[in-house]
């Protein structure tokens, strides 16, 4: 009984891995993460603000982009601030409940972003392949329903994985070989043969995600075939430029996630560096990708600077 109680006490918290145990390196890591975090917040907050108050940015594409910016702000806020504080205070523990909450939020926002990217690909398909029916298909009600479905699917996905991961008993070490709580790192701490449920969830969710990815690919095949049938070269370039940012964001999101989960055989320090890819890169680069060559966003930003923006709410 005493031994059982001791084991339960040990697993009341986990220890997160950190970058090399050197004060200078940890301080540099904290400073770099803070600058990246600040840039990501400012970039996404700017897009969220512009797409909210500028009446010329009230189309379905910018409505989805506003939600994507909100997701990215939440997504990067789940892991980076704690990592910064851990480096500055040299305290790397996280409570059992804190770990479960962090795992849920990471999966929740990542899954919601993936679902929203699928919705945005459908929006581009409707705009380019079905231009005459676009306003009917992508009406305000339909857009709200799609976004709501994205958030709810992310919530359900996160709940399933938290339930599956923490349904197992944890044995031995409580050191998570990651700078935040994620499924692969936690499963390595679970007792043998007690994580079958989570593996079943992973297989099922991967199959579903793959089907969604195929649908996204099919939509882009139709988009590209439609673009190639446009007579003028200028028209082809202009149409292609409207879906290029989304394509780049999808590629960045999927590539960073795949690389991270394929890195489970790497050393812990390298795994931590690679995990930065999908926790920091998408939220940081998405504002740049969507605003760098977007004339509507640039015009809205210039009007905001000059105080001449046409507001939705006077």
C-alpha atoms as a PDB file:
ATOM      1  CA  UNK A   1       0.000   0.000   0.000  1.00  0.00           C
ATOM      2  CA  UNK A   2       2.815   2.372   0.923  1.00  0.00           C
ATOM      3  CA  UNK A   3       4.661   1.567  -2.301  1.00  0.00           C
ATOM      4  CA  UNK A   4       1.535   2.180  -4.350  1.00  0.00           C
ATOM      5  CA  UNK A   5       0.978   5.530  -2.607  1.00  0.00           C
ATOM      6  CA  UNK A   6       4.630   6.497  -3.284  1.00  0.00           C
ATOM      7  CA  UNK A   7       4.289   5.724  -6.995  1.00  0.00           C
ATOM      8  CA  UNK A   8       1.123   7.834  -7.171  1.00  0.00           C
ATOM      9  CA  UNK A   9       2.951  10.699  -5.463  1.00  0.00           C
ATOM     10  CA  UNK A  10       5.819  10.539  -7.926  1.00  0.00           C
ATOM     11  CA  UNK A  11       3.449  10.726 -10.897  1.00  0.00           C
ATOM     12  CA  UNK A  12       1.645  13.772  -9.549  1.00  0.00           C
ATOM     13  CA  UNK A  13       4.082  15.782 -11.663  1.00  0.00           C
ATOM     14  CA  UNK A  14       6.347  15.434 -14.686  1.00  0.00           C
ATOM     15  CA  UNK A  15       9.747  16.917 -15.458  1.00  0.00           C
ATOM     16  CA  UNK A  16      10.126  18.542 -18.869  1.00  0.00           C
ATOM     17  CA  UNK A  17      13.370  18.347 -20.797  1.00  0.00           C
ATOM     18  CA  UNK A  18      15.230  21.572 -21.531  1.00  0.00           C
ATOM     19  CA  UNK A  19      17.976  22.804 -23.777  1.00  0.00           C
ATOM     20  CA  UNK A  20      21.592  22.208 -22.608  1.00  0.00           C
ATOM     21  CA  UNK A  21      21.888  22.744 -18.865  1.00  0.00           C
ATOM     22  CA  UNK A  22      23.952  25.904 -19.161  1.00  0.00           C
ATOM     23  CA  UNK A  23      22.715  29.226 -17.762  1.00  0.00           C
ATOM     24  CA  UNK A  24      23.972  31.294 -20.724  1.00  0.00           C
ATOM     25  CA  UNK A  25      22.380  28.990 -23.301  1.00  0.00           C
ATOM     26  CA  UNK A  26      19.117  28.863 -21.360  1.00  0.00           C
ATOM     27  CA  UNK A  27      19.055  32.660 -21.121  1.00  0.00           C
ATOM     28  CA  UNK A  28      19.654  32.968 -24.870  1.00  0.00           C
ATOM     29  CA  UNK A  29      16.925  30.393 -25.465  1.00  0.00           C
ATOM     30  CA  UNK A  30      14.508  32.375 -23.296  1.00  0.00           C
ATOM     31  CA  UNK A  31      15.373  35.637 -25.091  1.00  0.00           C
ATOM     32  CA  UNK A  32      15.005  34.068 -28.547  1.00  0.00           C
ATOM     33  CA  UNK A  33      11.706  32.404 -27.657  1.00  0.00           C
ATOM     34  CA  UNK A  34      10.412  35.679 -26.210  1.00  0.00           C
ATOM     35  CA  UNK A  35      11.232  37.606 -29.412  1.00  0.00           C
ATOM     36  CA  UNK A  36       9.653  34.917 -31.596  1.00  0.00           C
ATOM     37  CA  UNK A  37       6.598  34.774 -29.346  1.00  0.00           C
ATOM     38  CA  UNK A  38       6.236  38.557 -29.406  1.00  0.00           C
ATOM     39  CA  UNK A  39       6.544  38.621 -33.221  1.00  0.00           C
ATOM     40  CA  UNK A  40       3.957  35.848 -33.596  1.00  0.00           C
ATOM     41  CA  UNK A  41       1.505  37.575 -31.259  1.00  0.00           C
ATOM     42  CA  UNK A  42       1.914  40.969 -32.922  1.00  0.00           C
ATOM     43  CA  UNK A  43       1.614  39.569 -36.455  1.00  0.00           C
ATOM     44  CA  UNK A  44      -1.472  37.482 -35.725  1.00  0.00           C
ATOM     45  CA  UNK A  45      -3.078  40.201 -33.614  1.00  0.00           C
ATOM     46  CA  UNK A  46      -2.588  42.689 -36.451  1.00  0.00           C
ATOM     47  CA  UNK A  47      -4.271  40.366 -38.964  1.00  0.00           C
ATOM     48  CA  UNK A  48      -7.081  39.630 -36.486  1.00  0.00           C
ATOM     49  CA  UNK A  49      -7.612  43.368 -35.950  1.00  0.00           C
ATOM     50  CA  UNK A  50      -7.548  44.290 -39.644  1.00  0.00           C
ATOM     51  CA  UNK A  51      -9.935  41.509 -40.657  1.00  0.00           C
ATOM     52  CA  UNK A  52     -12.287  42.531 -37.851  1.00  0.00           C
ATOM     53  CA  UNK A  53     -12.529  46.301 -38.318  1.00  0.00           C
ATOM     54  CA  UNK A  54     -11.930  46.843 -42.071  1.00  0.00           C
ATOM     55  CA  UNK A  55     -15.200  46.554 -43.985  1.00  0.00           C
ATOM     56  CA  UNK A  56     -13.309  45.622 -47.178  1.00  0.00           C
ATOM     57  CA  UNK A  57     -11.962  42.478 -45.474  1.00  0.00           C
ATOM     58  CA  UNK A  58     -15.315  40.895 -44.644  1.00  0.00           C
ATOM     59  CA  UNK A  59     -15.211  38.152 -47.296  1.00  0.00           C
ATOM     60  CA  UNK A  60     -15.209  34.429 -46.377  1.00  0.00           C
ATOM     61  CA  UNK A  61     -11.459  34.122 -47.002  1.00  0.00           C
ATOM     62  CA  UNK A  62     -10.643  36.839 -44.461  1.00  0.00           C
ATOM     63  CA  UNK A  63     -13.212  35.491 -42.003  1.00  0.00           C
ATOM     64  CA  UNK A  64     -11.325  32.178 -42.052  1.00  0.00           C
ATOM     65  CA  UNK A  65      -8.002  34.007 -41.864  1.00  0.00           C
ATOM     66  CA  UNK A  66      -9.198  35.865 -38.756  1.00  0.00           C
ATOM     67  CA  UNK A  67      -9.972  32.546 -37.071  1.00  0.00           C
ATOM     68  CA  UNK A  68      -6.622  31.137 -38.174  1.00  0.00           C
ATOM     69  CA  UNK A  69      -4.847  34.082 -36.529  1.00  0.00           C
ATOM     70  CA  UNK A  70      -6.815  33.554 -33.320  1.00  0.00           C
ATOM     71  CA  UNK A  71      -5.892  29.848 -33.315  1.00  0.00           C
ATOM     72  CA  UNK A  72      -2.211  30.631 -33.898  1.00  0.00           C
ATOM     73  CA  UNK A  73      -2.121  33.113 -31.012  1.00  0.00           C
ATOM     74  CA  UNK A  74      -3.630  30.501 -28.691  1.00  0.00           C
ATOM     75  CA  UNK A  75      -1.511  27.661 -30.092  1.00  0.00           C
ATOM     76  CA  UNK A  76       1.861  29.306 -29.513  1.00  0.00           C
ATOM     77  CA  UNK A  77       0.732  30.586 -26.086  1.00  0.00           C
ATOM     78  CA  UNK A  78       0.221  27.039 -24.784  1.00  0.00           C
ATOM     79  CA  UNK A  79       3.903  26.034 -24.892  1.00  0.00           C
ATOM     80  CA  UNK A  80       6.252  28.974 -25.417  1.00  0.00           C
ATOM     81  CA  UNK A  81       5.554  31.154 -22.315  1.00  0.00           C
ATOM     82  CA  UNK A  82       6.058  28.176 -19.970  1.00  0.00           C
ATOM     83  CA  UNK A  83       9.256  27.217 -21.779  1.00  0.00           C
ATOM     84  CA  UNK A  84      10.554  30.778 -21.309  1.00  0.00           C
ATOM     85  CA  UNK A  85       9.687  30.759 -17.602  1.00  0.00           C
ATOM     86  CA  UNK A  86      11.261  27.313 -17.133  1.00  0.00           C
ATOM     87  CA  UNK A  87      14.527  28.532 -18.633  1.00  0.00           C
ATOM     88  CA  UNK A  88      14.614  31.689 -16.511  1.00  0.00           C
ATOM     89  CA  UNK A  89      13.666  30.010 -13.225  1.00  0.00           C
ATOM     90  CA  UNK A  90      15.436  26.698 -13.882  1.00  0.00           C
ATOM     91  CA  UNK A  91      12.255  24.931 -12.775  1.00  0.00           C
ATOM     92  CA  UNK A  92      11.098  22.297 -15.236  1.00  0.00           C
ATOM     93  CA  UNK A  93       8.279  20.539 -13.401  1.00  0.00           C
ATOM     94  CA  UNK A  94       4.671  20.459 -14.528  1.00  0.00           C
ATOM     95  CA  UNK A  95       1.781  19.039 -12.526  1.00  0.00           C
ATOM     96  CA  UNK A  96      -0.185  16.011 -13.695  1.00  0.00           C
ATOM     97  CA  UNK A  97      -3.243  18.193 -14.326  1.00  0.00           C
ATOM     98  CA  UNK A  98      -1.076  20.871 -15.965  1.00  0.00           C
ATOM     99  CA  UNK A  99       0.439  18.290 -18.304  1.00  0.00           C
ATOM    100  CA  UNK A 100      -2.980  16.907 -19.241  1.00  0.00           C
ATOM    101  CA  UNK A 101      -4.288  20.445 -19.850  1.00  0.00           C
ATOM    102  CA  UNK A 102      -1.279  21.378 -21.980  1.00  0.00           C
ATOM    103  CA  UNK A 103      -1.600  18.179 -24.016  1.00  0.00           C
ATOM    104  CA  UNK A 104      -5.292  18.853 -24.609  1.00  0.00           C
ATOM    105  CA  UNK A 105      -4.725  22.462 -25.669  1.00  0.00           C
ATOM    106  CA  UNK A 106      -1.827  21.643 -28.013  1.00  0.00           C
ATOM    107  CA  UNK A 107      -3.849  18.947 -29.795  1.00  0.00           C
ATOM    108  CA  UNK A 108      -7.024  21.052 -29.670  1.00  0.00           C
ATOM    109  CA  UNK A 109      -5.483  24.049 -31.437  1.00  0.00           C
ATOM    110  CA  UNK A 110      -3.390  21.963 -33.860  1.00  0.00           C
ATOM    111  CA  UNK A 111      -6.420  19.883 -34.893  1.00  0.00           C
ATOM    112  CA  UNK A 112      -8.610  22.985 -35.183  1.00  0.00           C
ATOM    113  CA  UNK A 113      -6.006  24.623 -37.420  1.00  0.00           C
ATOM    114  CA  UNK A 114      -5.842  21.520 -39.620  1.00  0.00           C
ATOM    115  CA  UNK A 115      -9.644  21.440 -39.911  1.00  0.00           C
ATOM    116  CA  UNK A 116      -9.733  25.158 -40.722  1.00  0.00           C
ATOM    117  CA  UNK A 117      -7.080  24.725 -43.420  1.00  0.00           C
ATOM    118  CA  UNK A 118      -9.312  22.086 -45.019  1.00  0.00           C
ATOM    119  CA  UNK A 119     -12.227  24.538 -44.904  1.00  0.00           C
ATOM    120  CA  UNK A 120     -10.044  27.221 -46.482  1.00  0.00           C
ATOM    121  CA  UNK A 121      -9.082  24.858 -49.306  1.00  0.00           C
ATOM    122  CA  UNK A 122     -12.797  24.299 -49.975  1.00  0.00           C
ATOM    123  CA  UNK A 123     -13.284  28.075 -49.993  1.00  0.00           C
ATOM    124  CA  UNK A 124     -10.579  28.435 -52.659  1.00  0.00           C
ATOM    125  CA  UNK A 125     -12.148  25.568 -54.642  1.00  0.00           C
ATOM    126  CA  UNK A 126     -15.570  27.236 -54.567  1.00  0.00           C
ATOM    127  CA  UNK A 127     -14.121  30.666 -55.466  1.00  0.00           C
ATOM    128  CA  UNK A 128     -12.087  29.438 -58.437  1.00  0.00           C
ATOM    129  CA  UNK A 129     -14.019  26.433 -59.774  1.00  0.00           C
ATOM    130  CA  UNK A 130     -17.577  27.576 -58.962  1.00  0.00           C
ATOM    131  CA  UNK A 131     -17.424  31.382 -59.163  1.00  0.00           C
ATOM    132  CA  UNK A 132     -21.104  31.830 -60.108  1.00  0.00           C
ATOM    133  CA  UNK A 133     -22.313  29.816 -57.114  1.00  0.00           C
ATOM    134  CA  UNK A 134     -19.631  31.099 -54.712  1.00  0.00           C
ATOM    135  CA  UNK A 135     -21.763  33.638 -52.817  1.00  0.00           C
ATOM    136  CA  UNK A 136     -24.531  31.082 -52.418  1.00  0.00           C
ATOM    137  CA  UNK A 137     -22.205  28.294 -51.243  1.00  0.00           C
ATOM    138  CA  UNK A 138     -20.042  30.423 -48.953  1.00  0.00           C
ATOM    139  CA  UNK A 139     -22.776  32.536 -47.378  1.00  0.00           C
ATOM    140  CA  UNK A 140     -22.345  33.952 -43.876  1.00  0.00           C
ATOM    141  CA  UNK A 141     -24.261  31.134 -42.208  1.00  0.00           C
ATOM    142  CA  UNK A 142     -22.290  28.421 -43.983  1.00  0.00           C
ATOM    143  CA  UNK A 143     -18.967  30.063 -43.050  1.00  0.00           C
ATOM    144  CA  UNK A 144     -19.950  30.285 -39.375  1.00  0.00           C
ATOM    145  CA  UNK A 145     -21.030  26.637 -39.398  1.00  0.00           C
ATOM    146  CA  UNK A 146     -17.742  25.535 -40.990  1.00  0.00           C
ATOM    147  CA  UNK A 147     -15.654  27.460 -38.464  1.00  0.00           C
ATOM    148  CA  UNK A 148     -17.752  26.158 -35.571  1.00  0.00           C
ATOM    149  CA  UNK A 149     -17.317  22.607 -36.860  1.00  0.00           C
ATOM    150  CA  UNK A 150     -13.544  23.159 -37.020  1.00  0.00           C
ATOM    151  CA  UNK A 151     -13.392  24.306 -33.382  1.00  0.00           C
ATOM    152  CA  UNK A 152     -15.650  21.477 -32.190  1.00  0.00           C
ATOM    153  CA  UNK A 153     -13.702  18.829 -34.097  1.00  0.00           C
ATOM    154  CA  UNK A 154     -10.469  20.111 -32.562  1.00  0.00           C
ATOM    155  CA  UNK A 155     -12.034  19.954 -29.092  1.00  0.00           C
ATOM    156  CA  UNK A 156     -13.244  16.403 -29.644  1.00  0.00           C
ATOM    157  CA  UNK A 157      -9.912  15.328 -31.091  1.00  0.00           C
ATOM    158  CA  UNK A 158      -8.014  16.762 -28.126  1.00  0.00           C
ATOM    159  CA  UNK A 159     -10.376  15.147 -25.622  1.00  0.00           C
ATOM    160  CA  UNK A 160      -9.975  11.720 -27.219  1.00  0.00           C
ATOM    161  CA  UNK A 161      -6.187  11.843 -27.135  1.00  0.00           C
ATOM    162  CA  UNK A 162      -6.006  13.111 -23.558  1.00  0.00           C
ATOM    163  CA  UNK A 163      -8.392  10.339 -22.465  1.00  0.00           C
ATOM    164  CA  UNK A 164      -6.408   7.733 -24.393  1.00  0.00           C
ATOM    165  CA  UNK A 165      -2.998   8.906 -23.162  1.00  0.00           C
ATOM    166  CA  UNK A 166      -3.885   9.323 -19.492  1.00  0.00           C
ATOM    167  CA  UNK A 167      -5.956   6.146 -19.325  1.00  0.00           C
ATOM    168  CA  UNK A 168      -2.613   4.317 -19.050  1.00  0.00           C
ATOM    169  CA  UNK A 169      -0.638   3.978 -15.820  1.00  0.00           C
ATOM    170  CA  UNK A 170       2.825   5.544 -15.839  1.00  0.00           C
ATOM    171  CA  UNK A 171       5.781   3.529 -14.617  1.00  0.00           C
ATOM    172  CA  UNK A 172       9.361   4.401 -13.721  1.00  0.00           C
ATOM    173  CA  UNK A 173      10.744   7.773 -14.786  1.00  0.00           C
ATOM    174  CA  UNK A 174       8.571  10.890 -14.881  1.00  0.00           C
ATOM    175  CA  UNK A 175      10.912  12.763 -17.249  1.00  0.00           C
ATOM    176  CA  UNK A 176       9.161  13.857 -20.449  1.00  0.00           C
ATOM    177  CA  UNK A 177      11.734  14.021 -23.250  1.00  0.00           C
ATOM    178  CA  UNK A 178      10.208  17.164 -24.697  1.00  0.00           C
ATOM    179  CA  UNK A 179       9.878  20.821 -23.660  1.00  0.00           C
ATOM    180  CA  UNK A 180       6.102  20.388 -23.415  1.00  0.00           C
ATOM    181  CA  UNK A 181       3.700  17.484 -22.888  1.00  0.00           C
ATOM    182  CA  UNK A 182       2.966  15.621 -26.121  1.00  0.00           C
ATOM    183  CA  UNK A 183       1.559  12.184 -26.884  1.00  0.00           C
ATOM    184  CA  UNK A 184       4.685  10.327 -28.156  1.00  0.00           C
ATOM    185  CA  UNK A 185       6.820  11.448 -25.185  1.00  0.00           C
ATOM    186  CA  UNK A 186       4.151  10.518 -22.626  1.00  0.00           C
ATOM    187  CA  UNK A 187       3.516   7.112 -24.191  1.00  0.00           C
ATOM    188  CA  UNK A 188       7.164   6.168 -23.645  1.00  0.00           C
ATOM    189  CA  UNK A 189       6.518   6.596 -19.894  1.00  0.00           C
ATOM    190  CA  UNK A 190       3.405   4.420 -19.847  1.00  0.00           C
ATOM    191  CA  UNK A 191       3.510   0.876 -18.510  1.00  0.00           C
ATOM    192  CA  UNK A 192       3.902  -1.778 -21.200  1.00  0.00           C
ATOM    193  CA  UNK A 193       0.701  -2.864 -22.965  1.00  0.00           C
ATOM    194  CA  UNK A 194      -1.325  -0.100 -21.282  1.00  0.00           C
ATOM    195  CA  UNK A 195      -1.389   2.352 -24.160  1.00  0.00           C
ATOM    196  CA  UNK A 196      -3.334   0.236 -26.651  1.00  0.00           C
ATOM    197  CA  UNK A 197      -6.337   2.577 -26.451  1.00  0.00           C
ATOM    198  CA  UNK A 198      -4.269   5.629 -27.384  1.00  0.00           C
ATOM    199  CA  UNK A 199      -2.601   3.770 -30.259  1.00  0.00           C
ATOM    200  CA  UNK A 200      -6.081   2.881 -31.522  1.00  0.00           C
ATOM    201  CA  UNK A 201      -7.039   6.575 -31.365  1.00  0.00           C
ATOM    202  CA  UNK A 202      -3.821   7.530 -33.178  1.00  0.00           C
ATOM    203  CA  UNK A 203      -4.419   5.020 -35.990  1.00  0.00           C
ATOM    204  CA  UNK A 204      -8.067   6.077 -36.386  1.00  0.00           C
ATOM    205  CA  UNK A 205      -7.240   9.791 -36.337  1.00  0.00           C
ATOM    206  CA  UNK A 206      -4.367   9.343 -38.807  1.00  0.00           C
ATOM    207  CA  UNK A 207      -6.701   7.535 -41.196  1.00  0.00           C
ATOM    208  CA  UNK A 208      -9.276  10.313 -40.890  1.00  0.00           C
ATOM    209  CA  UNK A 209      -6.618  13.028 -41.310  1.00  0.00           C
ATOM    210  CA  UNK A 210      -5.297  11.220 -44.395  1.00  0.00           C
ATOM    211  CA  UNK A 211      -8.784  11.112 -45.945  1.00  0.00           C
ATOM    212  CA  UNK A 212      -9.132  14.857 -45.289  1.00  0.00           C
ATOM    213  CA  UNK A 213      -5.714  15.425 -46.852  1.00  0.00           C
ATOM    214  CA  UNK A 214      -6.769  13.485 -49.970  1.00  0.00           C
ATOM    215  CA  UNK A 215      -9.879  15.658 -50.234  1.00  0.00           C
ATOM    216  CA  UNK A 216      -7.651  18.730 -49.997  1.00  0.00           C
ATOM    217  CA  UNK A 217      -5.390  17.374 -52.741  1.00  0.00           C
ATOM    218  CA  UNK A 218      -8.389  16.617 -54.962  1.00  0.00           C
ATOM    219  CA  UNK A 219      -9.695  20.162 -54.490  1.00  0.00           C
ATOM    220  CA  UNK A 220      -6.340  21.595 -55.533  1.00  0.00           C
ATOM    221  CA  UNK A 221      -6.208  19.330 -58.573  1.00  0.00           C
ATOM    222  CA  UNK A 222      -9.521  20.858 -59.667  1.00  0.00           C
ATOM    223  CA  UNK A 223      -8.240  24.351 -58.809  1.00  0.00           C
ATOM    224  CA  UNK A 224      -5.062  23.961 -60.872  1.00  0.00           C
ATOM    225  CA  UNK A 225      -6.942  22.460 -63.829  1.00  0.00           C
ATOM    226  CA  UNK A 226      -9.346  25.414 -63.749  1.00  0.00           C
ATOM    227  CA  UNK A 227      -6.478  27.918 -63.543  1.00  0.00           C
ATOM    228  CA  UNK A 228      -4.737  26.321 -66.537  1.00  0.00           C
ATOM    229  CA  UNK A 229      -7.896  26.814 -68.629  1.00  0.00           C
ATOM    230  CA  UNK A 230      -7.867  30.585 -68.050  1.00  0.00           C
ATOM    231  CA  UNK A 231      -6.957  32.178 -71.426  1.00  0.00           C
ATOM    232  CA  UNK A 232      -4.699  35.032 -70.300  1.00  0.00           C
ATOM    233  CA  UNK A 233      -1.402  34.560 -68.493  1.00  0.00           C
ATOM    234  CA  UNK A 234      -2.178  37.566 -66.279  1.00  0.00           C
ATOM    235  CA  UNK A 235      -5.474  36.005 -65.247  1.00  0.00           C
ATOM    236  CA  UNK A 236      -3.772  32.702 -64.418  1.00  0.00           C
ATOM    237  CA  UNK A 237      -1.161  34.423 -62.242  1.00  0.00           C
ATOM    238  CA  UNK A 238      -3.764  36.562 -60.447  1.00  0.00           C
ATOM    239  CA  UNK A 239      -5.990  33.560 -59.710  1.00  0.00           C
ATOM    240  CA  UNK A 240      -3.095  31.366 -58.617  1.00  0.00           C
ATOM    241  CA  UNK A 241      -1.866  34.091 -56.246  1.00  0.00           C
ATOM    242  CA  UNK A 242      -5.145  33.917 -54.298  1.00  0.00           C
ATOM    243  CA  UNK A 243      -4.569  30.278 -53.300  1.00  0.00           C
ATOM    244  CA  UNK A 244      -0.760  30.299 -53.049  1.00  0.00           C
ATOM    245  CA  UNK A 245      -0.604  31.566 -49.424  1.00  0.00           C
ATOM    246  CA  UNK A 246      -2.968  28.818 -48.278  1.00  0.00           C
ATOM    247  CA  UNK A 247      -0.918  26.194 -50.120  1.00  0.00           C
ATOM    248  CA  UNK A 248       2.293  27.397 -48.453  1.00  0.00           C
ATOM    249  CA  UNK A 249       0.662  27.410 -44.991  1.00  0.00           C
ATOM    250  CA  UNK A 250      -0.688  23.872 -45.454  1.00  0.00           C
ATOM    251  CA  UNK A 251       2.719  22.639 -46.603  1.00  0.00           C
ATOM    252  CA  UNK A 252       4.487  24.298 -43.652  1.00  0.00           C
ATOM    253  CA  UNK A 253       1.967  22.917 -41.139  1.00  0.00           C
ATOM    254  CA  UNK A 254       2.002  19.334 -42.444  1.00  0.00           C
ATOM    255  CA  UNK A 255       5.754  19.212 -43.091  1.00  0.00           C
ATOM    256  CA  UNK A 256       6.631  20.478 -39.615  1.00  0.00           C
ATOM    257  CA  UNK A 257       4.227  18.046 -37.953  1.00  0.00           C
ATOM    258  CA  UNK A 258       5.404  15.013 -39.953  1.00  0.00           C
ATOM    259  CA  UNK A 259       9.082  15.768 -39.343  1.00  0.00           C
ATOM    260  CA  UNK A 260       8.435  16.117 -35.611  1.00  0.00           C
ATOM    261  CA  UNK A 261       6.644  12.813 -35.241  1.00  0.00           C
ATOM    262  CA  UNK A 262       9.208  11.006 -37.370  1.00  0.00           C
ATOM    263  CA  UNK A 263      11.911  12.287 -35.007  1.00  0.00           C
ATOM    264  CA  UNK A 264      10.986   9.955 -32.126  1.00  0.00           C
ATOM    265  CA  UNK A 265      14.119   7.871 -32.818  1.00  0.00           C
ATOM    266  CA  UNK A 266      16.405  10.919 -32.569  1.00  0.00           C
ATOM    267  CA  UNK A 267      18.326  12.043 -29.501  1.00  0.00           C
ATOM    268  CA  UNK A 268      16.345  14.061 -26.953  1.00  0.00           C
ATOM    269  CA  UNK A 269      18.158  17.359 -27.610  1.00  0.00           C
ATOM    270  CA  UNK A 270      17.662  17.059 -31.374  1.00  0.00           C
ATOM    271  CA  UNK A 271      14.049  16.027 -30.869  1.00  0.00           C
ATOM    272  CA  UNK A 272      13.426  19.173 -28.817  1.00  0.00           C
ATOM    273  CA  UNK A 273      14.899  21.356 -31.556  1.00  0.00           C
ATOM    274  CA  UNK A 274      12.793  19.646 -34.224  1.00  0.00           C
ATOM    275  CA  UNK A 275       9.635  19.986 -32.122  1.00  0.00           C
ATOM    276  CA  UNK A 276      10.104  23.756 -32.325  1.00  0.00           C
ATOM    277  CA  UNK A 277       9.120  23.383 -35.990  1.00  0.00           C
ATOM    278  CA  UNK A 278       5.461  22.659 -35.465  1.00  0.00           C
ATOM    279  CA  UNK A 279       4.926  24.632 -32.257  1.00  0.00           C
ATOM    280  CA  UNK A 280       6.571  27.892 -33.332  1.00  0.00           C
ATOM    281  CA  UNK A 281       7.056  28.071 -37.105  1.00  0.00           C
ATOM    282  CA  UNK A 282       3.409  27.965 -38.312  1.00  0.00           C
ATOM    283  CA  UNK A 283       2.084  30.622 -35.875  1.00  0.00           C
ATOM    284  CA  UNK A 284       5.098  32.858 -36.588  1.00  0.00           C
ATOM    285  CA  UNK A 285       5.213  32.587 -40.375  1.00  0.00           C
ATOM    286  CA  UNK A 286       1.472  32.451 -41.160  1.00  0.00           C
ATOM    287  CA  UNK A 287       1.024  36.254 -40.765  1.00  0.00           C
ATOM    288  CA  UNK A 288       4.007  36.881 -43.041  1.00  0.00           C
ATOM    289  CA  UNK A 289       2.776  34.435 -45.664  1.00  0.00           C
ATOM    290  CA  UNK A 290      -0.725  35.907 -45.772  1.00  0.00           C
ATOM    291  CA  UNK A 291       0.231  39.574 -45.625  1.00  0.00           C
ATOM    292  CA  UNK A 292       3.514  39.777 -47.524  1.00  0.00           C
ATOM    293  CA  UNK A 293       2.010  39.766 -51.034  1.00  0.00           C
ATOM    294  CA  UNK A 294      -1.633  40.388 -50.198  1.00  0.00           C
ATOM    295  CA  UNK A 295      -2.601  43.763 -51.587  1.00  0.00           C
ATOM    296  CA  UNK A 296      -5.855  43.962 -49.625  1.00  0.00           C
ATOM    297  CA  UNK A 297      -4.019  43.403 -46.342  1.00  0.00           C
ATOM    298  CA  UNK A 298      -1.316  45.899 -47.283  1.00  0.00           C
ATOM    299  CA  UNK A 299      -3.912  48.537 -48.205  1.00  0.00           C
ATOM    300  CA  UNK A 300      -5.794  47.938 -44.946  1.00  0.00           C
ATOM    301  CA  UNK A 301      -2.546  48.297 -42.994  1.00  0.00           C
ATOM    302  CA  UNK A 302      -1.698  51.566 -44.752  1.00  0.00           C
ATOM    303  CA  UNK A 303      -5.173  52.923 -44.042  1.00  0.00           C
ATOM    304  CA  UNK A 304      -4.871  51.879 -40.407  1.00  0.00           C
ATOM    305  CA  UNK A 305      -1.562  53.747 -40.129  1.00  0.00           C
ATOM    306  CA  UNK A 306      -3.140  56.829 -41.697  1.00  0.00           C
ATOM    307  CA  UNK A 307      -6.289  56.515 -39.554  1.00  0.00           C
ATOM    308  CA  UNK A 308      -8.483  56.284 -42.648  1.00  0.00           C
ATOM    309  CA  UNK A 309      -9.640  52.681 -42.328  1.00  0.00           C
ATOM    310  CA  UNK A 310     -13.304  52.015 -43.180  1.00  0.00           C
ATOM    311  CA  UNK A 311     -14.588  50.440 -40.005  1.00  0.00           C
ATOM    312  CA  UNK A 312     -17.277  47.768 -39.741  1.00  0.00           C
ATOM    313  CA  UNK A 313     -18.281  49.283 -36.395  1.00  0.00           C
ATOM    314  CA  UNK A 314     -18.227  53.131 -36.680  1.00  0.00           C
END
